PDB file of N, CA and C in Angstrom:
ATOM      1  N   MET A   1     -30.378 -84.505 -65.601  1.00  0.00           N
ATOM      2  CA  MET A   1     -29.855 -83.149 -65.816  1.00  0.00           C
ATOM      3  C   MET A   1     -30.365 -82.620 -67.165  1.00  0.00           C
ATOM      4  N   SER A   2     -31.657 -82.462 -67.294  1.00  0.00           N
ATOM      5  CA  SER A   2     -32.193 -81.930 -68.541  1.00  0.00           C
ATOM      6  C   SER A   2     -32.631 -80.496 -68.324  1.00  0.00           C
ATOM      7  N   HIS A   3     -32.709 -79.749 -69.405  1.00  0.00           N
ATOM      8  CA  HIS A   3     -33.188 -78.378 -69.302  1.00  0.00           C
ATOM      9  C   HIS A   3     -34.309 -78.173 -70.304  1.00  0.00           C
ATOM     10  N   THR A   4     -35.117 -77.176 -70.046  1.00  0.00           N
ATOM     11  CA  THR A   4     -36.232 -76.890 -70.935  1.00  0.00           C
ATOM     12  C   THR A   4     -35.702 -76.453 -72.296  1.00  0.00           C
ATOM     13  N   ILE A   5     -36.280 -77.011 -73.332  1.00  0.00           N
ATOM     14  CA  ILE A   5     -35.839 -76.668 -74.685  1.00  0.00           C
ATOM     15  C   ILE A   5     -36.592 -75.432 -75.161  1.00  0.00           C
ATOM     16  N   LYS A   6     -35.825 -74.421 -75.531  1.00  0.00           N
ATOM     17  CA  LYS A   6     -36.401 -73.207 -76.124  1.00  0.00           C
ATOM     18  C   LYS A   6     -36.202 -73.282 -77.633  1.00  0.00           C
ATOM     19  N   SER A   7     -36.904 -72.447 -78.362  1.00  0.00           N
ATOM     20  CA  SER A   7     -36.826 -72.502 -79.825  1.00  0.00           C
ATOM     21  C   SER A   7     -35.401 -72.292 -80.319  1.00  0.00           C
ATOM     22  N   GLY A   8     -34.624 -71.450 -79.643  1.00  0.00           N
ATOM     23  CA  GLY A   8     -33.257 -71.168 -80.069  1.00  0.00           C
ATOM     24  C   GLY A   8     -32.294 -72.320 -79.848  1.00  0.00           C
ATOM     25  N   ASP A   9     -32.665 -73.269 -78.997  1.00  0.00           N
ATOM     26  CA  ASP A   9     -31.750 -74.358 -78.650  1.00  0.00           C
ATOM     27  C   ASP A   9     -31.458 -75.279 -79.834  1.00  0.00           C
ATOM     28  N   PHE A  10     -32.422 -75.415 -80.738  1.00  0.00           N
ATOM     29  CA  PHE A  10     -32.256 -76.400 -81.802  1.00  0.00           C
ATOM     30  C   PHE A  10     -31.092 -76.050 -82.711  1.00  0.00           C
ATOM     31  N   GLY A  11     -30.962 -74.781 -83.084  1.00  0.00           N
ATOM     32  CA  GLY A  11     -29.853 -74.358 -83.932  1.00  0.00           C
ATOM     33  C   GLY A  11     -28.522 -74.563 -83.240  1.00  0.00           C
ATOM     34  N   ILE A  12     -28.467 -74.231 -81.954  1.00  0.00           N
ATOM     35  CA  ILE A  12     -27.230 -74.404 -81.183  1.00  0.00           C
ATOM     36  C   ILE A  12     -26.877 -75.883 -81.122  1.00  0.00           C
ATOM     37  N   GLN A  13     -27.870 -76.720 -80.815  1.00  0.00           N
ATOM     38  CA  GLN A  13     -27.626 -78.156 -80.695  1.00  0.00           C
ATOM     39  C   GLN A  13     -27.151 -78.731 -82.024  1.00  0.00           C
ATOM     40  N   ALA A  14     -27.732 -78.264 -83.125  1.00  0.00           N
ATOM     41  CA  ALA A  14     -27.318 -78.758 -84.440  1.00  0.00           C
ATOM     42  C   ALA A  14     -25.860 -78.403 -84.710  1.00  0.00           C
ATOM     43  N   LYS A  15     -25.465 -77.179 -84.346  1.00  0.00           N
ATOM     44  CA  LYS A  15     -24.072 -76.759 -84.537  1.00  0.00           C
ATOM     45  C   LYS A  15     -23.140 -77.604 -83.679  1.00  0.00           C
ATOM     46  N   VAL A  16     -23.538 -77.847 -82.439  1.00  0.00           N
ATOM     47  CA  VAL A  16     -22.712 -78.659 -81.539  1.00  0.00           C
ATOM     48  C   VAL A  16     -22.584 -80.071 -82.087  1.00  0.00           C
ATOM     49  N   ASN A  17     -23.708 -80.635 -82.536  1.00  0.00           N
ATOM     50  CA  ASN A  17     -23.670 -81.994 -83.073  1.00  0.00           C
ATOM     51  C   ASN A  17     -22.747 -82.080 -84.278  1.00  0.00           C
ATOM     52  N   SER A  18     -22.800 -81.083 -85.166  1.00  0.00           N
ATOM     53  CA  SER A  18     -21.925 -81.114 -86.341  1.00  0.00           C
ATOM     54  C   SER A  18     -20.470 -80.924 -85.922  1.00  0.00           C
ATOM     55  N   SER A  19     -20.240 -80.109 -84.882  1.00  0.00           N
ATOM     56  CA  SER A  19     -18.871 -79.931 -84.369  1.00  0.00           C
ATOM     57  C   SER A  19     -18.344 -81.242 -83.806  1.00  0.00           C
ATOM     58  N   ILE A  20     -19.190 -81.943 -83.058  1.00  0.00           N
ATOM     59  CA  ILE A  20     -18.783 -83.225 -82.477  1.00  0.00           C
ATOM     60  C   ILE A  20     -18.471 -84.211 -83.602  1.00  0.00           C
ATOM     61  N   ARG A  21     -19.323 -84.236 -84.630  1.00  0.00           N
ATOM     62  CA  ARG A  21     -19.079 -85.138 -85.765  1.00  0.00           C
ATOM     63  C   ARG A  21     -17.764 -84.788 -86.450  1.00  0.00           C
ATOM     64  N   ALA A  22     -17.494 -83.500 -86.604  1.00  0.00           N
ATOM     65  CA  ALA A  22     -16.262 -83.066 -87.264  1.00  0.00           C
ATOM     66  C   ALA A  22     -15.033 -83.453 -86.443  1.00  0.00           C
ATOM     67  N   LEU A  23     -15.158 -83.383 -85.121  1.00  0.00           N
ATOM     68  CA  LEU A  23     -14.020 -83.664 -84.237  1.00  0.00           C
ATOM     69  C   LEU A  23     -13.844 -85.146 -83.943  1.00  0.00           C
ATOM     70  N   LYS A  24     -14.867 -85.962 -84.208  1.00  0.00           N
ATOM     71  CA  LYS A  24     -14.823 -87.371 -83.824  1.00  0.00           C
ATOM     72  C   LYS A  24     -13.581 -88.106 -84.310  1.00  0.00           C
ATOM     73  N   PRO A  25     -13.179 -87.934 -85.573  1.00  0.00           N
ATOM     74  CA  PRO A  25     -11.974 -88.665 -86.009  1.00  0.00           C
ATOM     75  C   PRO A  25     -10.751 -88.342 -85.157  1.00  0.00           C
ATOM     76  N   PHE A  26     -10.633 -87.087 -84.731  1.00  0.00           N
ATOM     77  CA  PHE A  26      -9.481 -86.669 -83.922  1.00  0.00           C
ATOM     78  C   PHE A  26      -9.600 -87.194 -82.499  1.00  0.00           C
ATOM     79  N   THR A  27     -10.795 -87.054 -81.915  1.00  0.00           N
ATOM     80  CA  THR A  27     -10.964 -87.443 -80.515  1.00  0.00           C
ATOM     81  C   THR A  27     -10.909 -88.955 -80.351  1.00  0.00           C
ATOM     82  N   GLU A  28     -11.441 -89.691 -81.329  1.00  0.00           N
ATOM     83  CA  GLU A  28     -11.424 -91.153 -81.222  1.00  0.00           C
ATOM     84  C   GLU A  28     -10.004 -91.691 -81.317  1.00  0.00           C
ATOM     85  N   ASN A  29      -9.171 -91.040 -82.120  1.00  0.00           N
ATOM     86  CA  ASN A  29      -7.774 -91.471 -82.234  1.00  0.00           C
ATOM     87  C   ASN A  29      -7.056 -91.339 -80.898  1.00  0.00           C
ATOM     88  N   LYS A  30      -7.433 -90.335 -80.114  1.00  0.00           N
ATOM     89  CA  LYS A  30      -6.794 -90.109 -78.820  1.00  0.00           C
ATOM     90  C   LYS A  30      -7.550 -90.800 -77.690  1.00  0.00           C
ATOM     91  N   GLY A  31      -8.663 -91.458 -78.034  1.00  0.00           N
ATOM     92  CA  GLY A  31      -9.455 -92.128 -77.018  1.00  0.00           C
ATOM     93  C   GLY A  31     -10.196 -91.160 -76.115  1.00  0.00           C
ATOM     94  N   ILE A  32     -10.503 -89.976 -76.640  1.00  0.00           N
ATOM     95  CA  ILE A  32     -11.190 -88.958 -75.840  1.00  0.00           C
ATOM     96  C   ILE A  32     -12.596 -88.766 -76.392  1.00  0.00           C
ATOM     97  N   ASN A  33     -13.567 -88.702 -75.505  1.00  0.00           N
ATOM     98  CA  ASN A  33     -14.941 -88.437 -75.928  1.00  0.00           C
ATOM     99  C   ASN A  33     -15.319 -87.048 -75.447  1.00  0.00           C
ATOM    100  N   LEU A  34     -15.484 -86.105 -76.379  1.00  0.00           N
ATOM    101  CA  LEU A  34     -15.734 -84.711 -76.014  1.00  0.00           C
ATOM    102  C   LEU A  34     -17.214 -84.354 -75.968  1.00  0.00           C
ATOM    103  N   SER A  35     -18.088 -85.257 -76.403  1.00  0.00           N
ATOM    104  CA  SER A  35     -19.497 -84.884 -76.522  1.00  0.00           C
ATOM    105  C   SER A  35     -20.069 -84.415 -75.187  1.00  0.00           C
ATOM    106  N   CYS A  36     -19.654 -85.048 -74.092  1.00  0.00           N
ATOM    107  CA  CYS A  36     -20.144 -84.660 -72.767  1.00  0.00           C
ATOM    108  C   CYS A  36     -19.761 -83.213 -72.453  1.00  0.00           C
ATOM    109  N   ASN A  37     -18.504 -82.865 -72.721  1.00  0.00           N
ATOM    110  CA  ASN A  37     -18.038 -81.511 -72.453  1.00  0.00           C
ATOM    111  C   ASN A  37     -18.787 -80.493 -73.292  1.00  0.00           C
ATOM    112  N   PHE A  38     -19.039 -80.822 -74.561  1.00  0.00           N
ATOM    113  CA  PHE A  38     -19.786 -79.919 -75.425  1.00  0.00           C
ATOM    114  C   PHE A  38     -21.177 -79.676 -74.863  1.00  0.00           C
ATOM    115  N   LYS A  39     -21.842 -80.737 -74.445  1.00  0.00           N
ATOM    116  CA  LYS A  39     -23.205 -80.596 -73.930  1.00  0.00           C
ATOM    117  C   LYS A  39     -23.219 -79.725 -72.681  1.00  0.00           C
ATOM    118  N   ASN A  40     -22.243 -79.929 -71.790  1.00  0.00           N
ATOM    119  CA  ASN A  40     -22.187 -79.117 -70.573  1.00  0.00           C
ATOM    120  C   ASN A  40     -21.925 -77.654 -70.894  1.00  0.00           C
ATOM    121  N   ASP A  41     -21.026 -77.395 -71.840  1.00  0.00           N
ATOM    122  CA  ASP A  41     -20.723 -76.016 -72.237  1.00  0.00           C
ATOM    123  C   ASP A  41     -21.954 -75.338 -72.807  1.00  0.00           C
ATOM    124  N   ILE A  42     -22.686 -76.043 -73.654  1.00  0.00           N
ATOM    125  CA  ILE A  42     -23.878 -75.463 -74.278  1.00  0.00           C
ATOM    126  C   ILE A  42     -24.947 -75.206 -73.224  1.00  0.00           C
ATOM    127  N   LYS A  43     -25.091 -76.137 -72.287  1.00  0.00           N
ATOM    128  CA  LYS A  43     -26.083 -75.958 -71.223  1.00  0.00           C
ATOM    129  C   LYS A  43     -25.763 -74.699 -70.426  1.00  0.00           C
ATOM    130  N   ASP A  44     -24.491 -74.517 -70.074  1.00  0.00           N
ATOM    131  CA  ASP A  44     -24.078 -73.318 -69.341  1.00  0.00           C
ATOM    132  C   ASP A  44     -24.323 -72.071 -70.176  1.00  0.00           C
ATOM    133  N   LEU A  45     -24.026 -72.157 -71.473  1.00  0.00           N
ATOM    134  CA  LEU A  45     -24.208 -71.021 -72.381  1.00  0.00           C
ATOM    135  C   LEU A  45     -25.673 -70.603 -72.425  1.00  0.00           C
ATOM    136  N   ILE A  46     -26.556 -71.600 -72.514  1.00  0.00           N
ATOM    137  CA  ILE A  46     -27.990 -71.304 -72.585  1.00  0.00           C
ATOM    138  C   ILE A  46     -28.465 -70.689 -71.270  1.00  0.00           C
ATOM    139  N   ILE A  47     -27.988 -71.228 -70.144  1.00  0.00           N
ATOM    140  CA  ILE A  47     -28.390 -70.694 -68.834  1.00  0.00           C
ATOM    141  C   ILE A  47     -27.913 -69.253 -68.685  1.00  0.00           C
ATOM    142  N   VAL A  48     -26.669 -68.988 -69.088  1.00  0.00           N
ATOM    143  CA  VAL A  48     -26.109 -67.639 -68.971  1.00  0.00           C
ATOM    144  C   VAL A  48     -26.883 -66.668 -69.852  1.00  0.00           C
ATOM    145  N   ASN A  49     -27.162 -67.090 -71.085  1.00  0.00           N
ATOM    146  CA  ASN A  49     -27.880 -66.219 -72.010  1.00  0.00           C
ATOM    147  C   ASN A  49     -29.348 -66.153 -71.641  1.00  0.00           C
TER     148      ASN A  49
END
C-alpha cells in the first residue's frame, strides 16, 4: 500500500513523524500504537488534495 511521493509529501511526513514522536509517551502508556492511523490519515489527505 505505497503511494507515489510528491515533493510536498516530505514536509507532511516530517510533521506526522514529529507528532507521533510527541504522542509516543502517551500512547505507549495506554498500549496504543497510533502511527498506523496517522499514516492512513495522511495518505487519504494526500489523495484528497
